[in-house]
Amino acid sequence: MKKLLLLIPVLALSACGQKSYTYEAFYDIEGTGKAEMTLNVPGGASQSETVDLPVKNRAMLANALGRITLIVKPRSGEATCKLRVEKEKEISNAGKQATCEYEITEDTIN
């Protein structure tokens, strides 16, 4: 019986040490007019929408490891996308179709 009682706290402590696979990310889109935006997030559904530019500091949650992809297609001119995941370096890209991607791995700090 003593061995069983000692094992329960060890199991409880080992469960507390597991890494979370929930990551907070933010994105901005610079430009003018309207753009078609497509966002794919690990652990979530893909979403597409028409947005008025600029878009500032929108947040999302990624609930799994994998690639976050933000694609922006402005109706005219160019746009710039910026993607930030937790404490990682910001990703930025510009063009008639701007794509920002970030791969969330075991090494991504959350």
N, C-alpha and C. Protein backbone atom coordinates (compact mmCIF):
# COMPACT_ATOMS: atom_id res chain seq x y z
N MET A 1 0.82 -1.19 0.00
CA MET A 1 0.00 0.00 0.00
C MET A 1 0.87 1.26 0.00
N LYS A 2 2.00 1.22 0.71
CA LYS A 2 2.88 2.39 0.76
C LYS A 2 3.45 2.72 -0.62
N LYS A 3 3.74 1.71 -1.42
CA LYS A 3 4.28 1.94 -2.76
C LYS A 3 3.25 2.65 -3.64
N LEU A 4 1.99 2.28 -3.52
CA LEU A 4 0.93 2.90 -4.31
C LEU A 4 0.77 4.36 -3.94
N LEU A 5 0.80 4.70 -2.67
CA LEU A 5 0.65 6.09 -2.23
C LEU A 5 1.82 6.95 -2.70
N LEU A 6 3.00 6.37 -2.79
CA LEU A 6 4.16 7.11 -3.27
C LEU A 6 4.08 7.34 -4.78
N LEU A 7 3.48 6.45 -5.51
CA LEU A 7 3.39 6.54 -6.95
C LEU A 7 2.41 7.62 -7.41
N ILE A 8 1.35 7.85 -6.69
CA ILE A 8 0.33 8.83 -7.08
C ILE A 8 0.90 10.24 -7.18
N PRO A 9 1.66 10.76 -6.20
CA PRO A 9 2.23 12.10 -6.37
C PRO A 9 3.21 12.20 -7.54
N VAL A 10 3.95 11.12 -7.81
CA VAL A 10 4.90 11.12 -8.92
C VAL A 10 4.14 11.24 -10.24
N LEU A 11 3.05 10.51 -10.39
CA LEU A 11 2.23 10.60 -11.61
C LEU A 11 1.63 11.99 -11.76
N ALA A 12 1.16 12.57 -10.70
CA ALA A 12 0.57 13.91 -10.75
C ALA A 12 1.60 14.94 -11.16
N LEU A 13 2.82 14.85 -10.64
CA LEU A 13 3.87 15.80 -10.99
C LEU A 13 4.33 15.63 -12.43
N SER A 14 4.39 14.41 -12.93
CA SER A 14 4.82 14.21 -14.30
C SER A 14 3.78 14.73 -15.28
N ALA A 15 2.52 14.69 -14.95
CA ALA A 15 1.47 15.24 -15.81
C ALA A 15 1.56 16.76 -15.87
N CYS A 16 2.00 17.40 -14.81
CA CYS A 16 2.11 18.86 -14.78
C CYS A 16 3.26 19.36 -15.66
N GLY A 17 4.24 18.52 -15.94
CA GLY A 17 5.40 18.94 -16.69
C GLY A 17 5.23 18.85 -18.20
N GLN A 18 4.08 18.45 -18.70
CA GLN A 18 3.89 18.30 -20.13
C GLN A 18 3.85 19.67 -20.82
N LYS A 19 4.42 19.72 -22.01
CA LYS A 19 4.45 20.96 -22.80
C LYS A 19 3.07 21.22 -23.39
N SER A 20 2.66 22.46 -23.36
CA SER A 20 1.39 22.87 -23.96
C SER A 20 1.58 23.06 -25.46
N TYR A 21 0.62 22.61 -26.24
CA TYR A 21 0.66 22.83 -27.69
C TYR A 21 -0.36 23.86 -28.11
N THR A 22 -0.56 24.86 -27.28
CA THR A 22 -1.40 26.00 -27.62
C THR A 22 -0.49 27.21 -27.76
N TYR A 23 -0.56 27.85 -28.92
CA TYR A 23 0.32 28.98 -29.21
C TYR A 23 -0.54 30.17 -29.62
N GLU A 24 -0.18 31.33 -29.11
CA GLU A 24 -0.87 32.56 -29.46
C GLU A 24 -0.08 33.23 -30.59
N ALA A 25 -0.79 33.68 -31.60
CA ALA A 25 -0.14 34.34 -32.73
C ALA A 25 -0.94 35.59 -33.10
N PHE A 26 -0.26 36.54 -33.72
CA PHE A 26 -0.88 37.79 -34.13
C PHE A 26 -0.46 38.10 -35.56
N TYR A 27 -1.33 38.80 -36.30
CA TYR A 27 -0.95 39.22 -37.64
C TYR A 27 -1.46 40.62 -37.94
N ASP A 28 -0.73 41.28 -38.85
CA ASP A 28 -1.10 42.59 -39.39
C ASP A 28 -1.07 42.47 -40.90
N ILE A 29 -1.90 43.25 -41.56
CA ILE A 29 -1.84 43.35 -43.01
C ILE A 29 -1.85 44.84 -43.35
N GLU A 30 -0.82 45.27 -44.05
CA GLU A 30 -0.71 46.66 -44.46
C GLU A 30 -1.10 46.79 -45.93
N GLY A 31 -1.71 47.92 -46.27
CA GLY A 31 -2.12 48.19 -47.63
C GLY A 31 -3.37 49.05 -47.60
N THR A 32 -3.97 49.23 -48.76
CA THR A 32 -5.21 50.02 -48.85
C THR A 32 -6.24 49.26 -49.67
N GLY A 33 -7.49 49.61 -49.46
CA GLY A 33 -8.58 48.96 -50.19
C GLY A 33 -9.00 47.67 -49.53
N LYS A 34 -9.41 46.72 -50.36
CA LYS A 34 -9.87 45.42 -49.88
C LYS A 34 -8.91 44.33 -50.33
N ALA A 35 -8.91 43.23 -49.57
CA ALA A 35 -8.06 42.08 -49.92
C ALA A 35 -8.76 40.80 -49.51
N GLU A 36 -8.45 39.74 -50.24
CA GLU A 36 -8.89 38.40 -49.87
C GLU A 36 -7.82 37.81 -48.97
N MET A 37 -8.22 37.36 -47.80
CA MET A 37 -7.29 36.82 -46.83
C MET A 37 -7.66 35.38 -46.53
N THR A 38 -6.67 34.50 -46.56
CA THR A 38 -6.87 33.10 -46.19
C THR A 38 -5.91 32.77 -45.06
N LEU A 39 -6.44 32.16 -44.00
CA LEU A 39 -5.64 31.83 -42.83
C LEU A 39 -5.82 30.36 -42.50
N ASN A 40 -4.70 29.63 -42.43
CA ASN A 40 -4.69 28.22 -42.02
C ASN A 40 -3.90 28.13 -40.72
N VAL A 41 -4.52 27.54 -39.69
CA VAL A 41 -3.91 27.45 -38.37
C VAL A 41 -3.93 26.00 -37.90
N PRO A 42 -2.80 25.46 -37.40
CA PRO A 42 -2.80 24.08 -36.90
C PRO A 42 -3.83 23.91 -35.77
N GLY A 43 -4.59 22.85 -35.85
CA GLY A 43 -5.58 22.57 -34.82
C GLY A 43 -6.86 23.36 -35.00
N GLY A 44 -6.99 24.11 -36.09
CA GLY A 44 -8.18 24.92 -36.33
C GLY A 44 -8.62 24.80 -37.77
N ALA A 45 -9.75 25.40 -38.06
CA ALA A 45 -10.30 25.36 -39.41
C ALA A 45 -9.68 26.47 -40.26
N SER A 46 -9.54 26.22 -41.55
CA SER A 46 -9.09 27.24 -42.48
C SER A 46 -10.20 28.26 -42.65
N GLN A 47 -9.82 29.53 -42.75
CA GLN A 47 -10.85 30.55 -42.95
C GLN A 47 -10.41 31.52 -44.04
N SER A 48 -11.37 31.96 -44.82
CA SER A 48 -11.13 32.96 -45.87
C SER A 48 -12.16 34.06 -45.70
N GLU A 49 -11.72 35.29 -45.92
CA GLU A 49 -12.64 36.42 -45.83
C GLU A 49 -12.09 37.60 -46.60
N THR A 50 -12.99 38.51 -46.96
CA THR A 50 -12.59 39.77 -47.55
C THR A 50 -12.45 40.78 -46.43
N VAL A 51 -11.30 41.46 -46.38
CA VAL A 51 -11.03 42.40 -45.30
C VAL A 51 -10.73 43.78 -45.87
N ASP A 52 -11.03 44.80 -45.09
CA ASP A 52 -10.63 46.16 -45.40
C ASP A 52 -9.24 46.38 -44.83
N LEU A 53 -8.35 46.91 -45.67
CA LEU A 53 -6.98 47.16 -45.22
C LEU A 53 -6.85 48.56 -44.68
N PRO A 54 -6.00 48.78 -43.71
CA PRO A 54 -5.11 47.83 -43.05
C PRO A 54 -5.83 47.03 -41.96
N VAL A 55 -5.25 45.89 -41.61
CA VAL A 55 -5.71 45.04 -40.50
C VAL A 55 -4.61 45.10 -39.44
N LYS A 56 -4.98 45.42 -38.22
CA LYS A 56 -3.97 45.60 -37.16
C LYS A 56 -4.18 44.62 -36.01
N ASN A 57 -3.12 43.92 -35.63
CA ASN A 57 -3.02 43.14 -34.40
C ASN A 57 -4.17 42.16 -34.17
N ARG A 58 -4.53 41.38 -35.19
CA ARG A 58 -5.54 40.33 -35.00
C ARG A 58 -4.87 39.13 -34.35
N ALA A 59 -5.59 38.51 -33.44
CA ALA A 59 -5.04 37.37 -32.68
C ALA A 59 -5.68 36.06 -33.12
N MET A 60 -4.95 34.97 -32.89
CA MET A 60 -5.46 33.62 -33.16
C MET A 60 -4.77 32.65 -32.22
N LEU A 61 -5.35 31.48 -32.07
CA LEU A 61 -4.72 30.40 -31.29
C LEU A 61 -4.46 29.22 -32.20
N ALA A 62 -3.27 28.67 -32.09
CA ALA A 62 -2.92 27.43 -32.76
C ALA A 62 -2.88 26.36 -31.68
N ASN A 63 -3.64 25.29 -31.87
CA ASN A 63 -3.76 24.25 -30.84
C ASN A 63 -3.00 22.98 -31.16
N ALA A 64 -2.02 23.08 -32.05
CA ALA A 64 -1.24 21.90 -32.44
C ALA A 64 0.05 22.35 -33.10
N LEU A 65 0.97 21.41 -33.27
CA LEU A 65 2.18 21.69 -34.03
C LEU A 65 1.81 21.72 -35.51
N GLY A 66 2.55 22.47 -36.28
CA GLY A 66 2.28 22.56 -37.72
C GLY A 66 2.51 23.96 -38.24
N ARG A 67 2.04 24.21 -39.45
CA ARG A 67 2.31 25.45 -40.15
C ARG A 67 1.11 26.41 -40.09
N ILE A 68 1.39 27.65 -39.67
CA ILE A 68 0.43 28.75 -39.81
C ILE A 68 0.72 29.39 -41.16
N THR A 69 -0.31 29.57 -41.98
CA THR A 69 -0.15 30.21 -43.28
C THR A 69 -1.17 31.33 -43.42
N LEU A 70 -0.69 32.52 -43.74
CA LEU A 70 -1.53 33.69 -44.00
C LEU A 70 -1.25 34.14 -45.43
N ILE A 71 -2.28 34.11 -46.28
CA ILE A 71 -2.15 34.54 -47.68
C ILE A 71 -3.06 35.74 -47.88
N VAL A 72 -2.49 36.80 -48.45
CA VAL A 72 -3.24 38.04 -48.69
C VAL A 72 -3.16 38.39 -50.17
N LYS A 73 -4.33 38.56 -50.80
CA LYS A 73 -4.40 38.96 -52.21
C LYS A 73 -5.19 40.26 -52.30
N PRO A 74 -4.49 41.42 -52.38
CA PRO A 74 -5.20 42.68 -52.49
C PRO A 74 -5.90 42.79 -53.84
N ARG A 75 -7.04 43.47 -53.86
CA ARG A 75 -7.76 43.64 -55.13
C ARG A 75 -7.00 44.54 -56.08
N SER A 76 -6.21 45.47 -55.54
CA SER A 76 -5.35 46.31 -56.38
C SER A 76 -4.09 46.64 -55.59
N GLY A 77 -3.01 46.80 -56.31
CA GLY A 77 -1.75 47.15 -55.66
C GLY A 77 -1.13 45.98 -54.92
N GLU A 78 -0.36 46.32 -53.89
CA GLU A 78 0.34 45.32 -53.10
C GLU A 78 -0.08 45.40 -51.64
N ALA A 79 0.22 44.35 -50.90
CA ALA A 79 -0.04 44.31 -49.46
C ALA A 79 1.18 43.72 -48.77
N THR A 80 1.28 43.98 -47.48
CA THR A 80 2.34 43.42 -46.65
C THR A 80 1.69 42.66 -45.50
N CYS A 81 2.09 41.40 -45.30
CA CYS A 81 1.61 40.65 -44.15
C CYS A 81 2.74 40.54 -43.14
N LYS A 82 2.36 40.53 -41.87
CA LYS A 82 3.31 40.34 -40.77
C LYS A 82 2.70 39.34 -39.81
N LEU A 83 3.48 38.33 -39.41
CA LEU A 83 3.01 37.24 -38.56
C LEU A 83 3.96 37.08 -37.39
N ARG A 84 3.41 37.06 -36.17
CA ARG A 84 4.21 36.86 -34.95
C ARG A 84 3.62 35.70 -34.17
N VAL A 85 4.46 34.75 -33.79
CA VAL A 85 4.05 33.59 -32.99
C VAL A 85 4.79 33.65 -31.67
N GLU A 86 4.01 33.83 -30.58
CA GLU A 86 4.58 33.88 -29.24
C GLU A 86 5.78 34.82 -29.19
N LYS A 87 6.94 34.31 -28.74
CA LYS A 87 8.14 35.13 -28.57
C LYS A 87 9.12 34.99 -29.74
N GLU A 88 8.67 34.38 -30.83
CA GLU A 88 9.53 34.14 -31.98
C GLU A 88 9.66 35.39 -32.85
N LYS A 89 10.61 35.38 -33.76
CA LYS A 89 10.86 36.50 -34.66
C LYS A 89 9.69 36.70 -35.62
N GLU A 90 9.36 37.96 -35.90
CA GLU A 90 8.26 38.29 -36.82
C GLU A 90 8.62 37.89 -38.25
N ILE A 91 7.64 37.35 -38.97
CA ILE A 91 7.77 37.01 -40.38
C ILE A 91 7.03 38.09 -41.16
N SER A 92 7.63 38.57 -42.24
CA SER A 92 7.01 39.62 -43.04
C SER A 92 7.23 39.32 -44.52
N ASN A 93 6.23 39.68 -45.36
CA ASN A 93 6.34 39.48 -46.79
C ASN A 93 5.41 40.48 -47.48
N ALA A 94 5.76 40.90 -48.68
CA ALA A 94 4.95 41.87 -49.42
C ALA A 94 4.83 41.44 -50.88
N GLY A 95 3.76 41.90 -51.53
CA GLY A 95 3.59 41.63 -52.95
C GLY A 95 2.14 41.68 -53.36
N LYS A 96 1.90 41.35 -54.64
CA LYS A 96 0.52 41.29 -55.15
C LYS A 96 -0.21 40.12 -54.52
N GLN A 97 0.54 39.12 -54.10
CA GLN A 97 0.05 38.07 -53.22
C GLN A 97 1.11 37.88 -52.15
N ALA A 98 0.81 38.32 -50.95
CA ALA A 98 1.77 38.22 -49.85
C ALA A 98 1.45 36.97 -49.02
N THR A 99 2.47 36.18 -48.75
CA THR A 99 2.29 34.96 -47.95
C THR A 99 3.26 34.99 -46.77
N CYS A 100 2.72 34.82 -45.57
CA CYS A 100 3.54 34.70 -44.37
C CYS A 100 3.27 33.33 -43.77
N GLU A 101 4.36 32.59 -43.48
CA GLU A 101 4.22 31.25 -42.92
C GLU A 101 5.16 31.08 -41.74
N TYR A 102 4.70 30.32 -40.76
CA TYR A 102 5.54 29.97 -39.62
C TYR A 102 5.26 28.53 -39.24
N GLU A 103 6.31 27.75 -39.09
CA GLU A 103 6.19 26.34 -38.69
C GLU A 103 6.34 26.22 -37.18
N ILE A 104 5.27 25.81 -36.50
CA ILE A 104 5.33 25.58 -35.06
C ILE A 104 5.88 24.18 -34.82
N THR A 105 6.98 24.10 -34.06
CA THR A 105 7.64 22.83 -33.78
C THR A 105 7.76 22.64 -32.27
N GLU A 106 8.33 21.53 -31.86
CA GLU A 106 8.58 21.27 -30.46
C GLU A 106 9.46 22.36 -29.82
N ASP A 107 10.29 23.02 -30.64
CA ASP A 107 11.22 24.04 -30.15
C ASP A 107 10.59 25.42 -30.04
N THR A 108 9.39 25.61 -30.56
CA THR A 108 8.73 26.91 -30.48
C THR A 108 8.39 27.21 -29.01
N ILE A 109 8.81 28.37 -28.54
CA ILE A 109 8.59 28.74 -27.14
C ILE A 109 7.19 29.32 -26.98
N ASN A 110 6.45 28.78 -26.00
CA ASN A 110 5.12 29.34 -25.72
C ASN A 110 4.95 29.67 -24.28
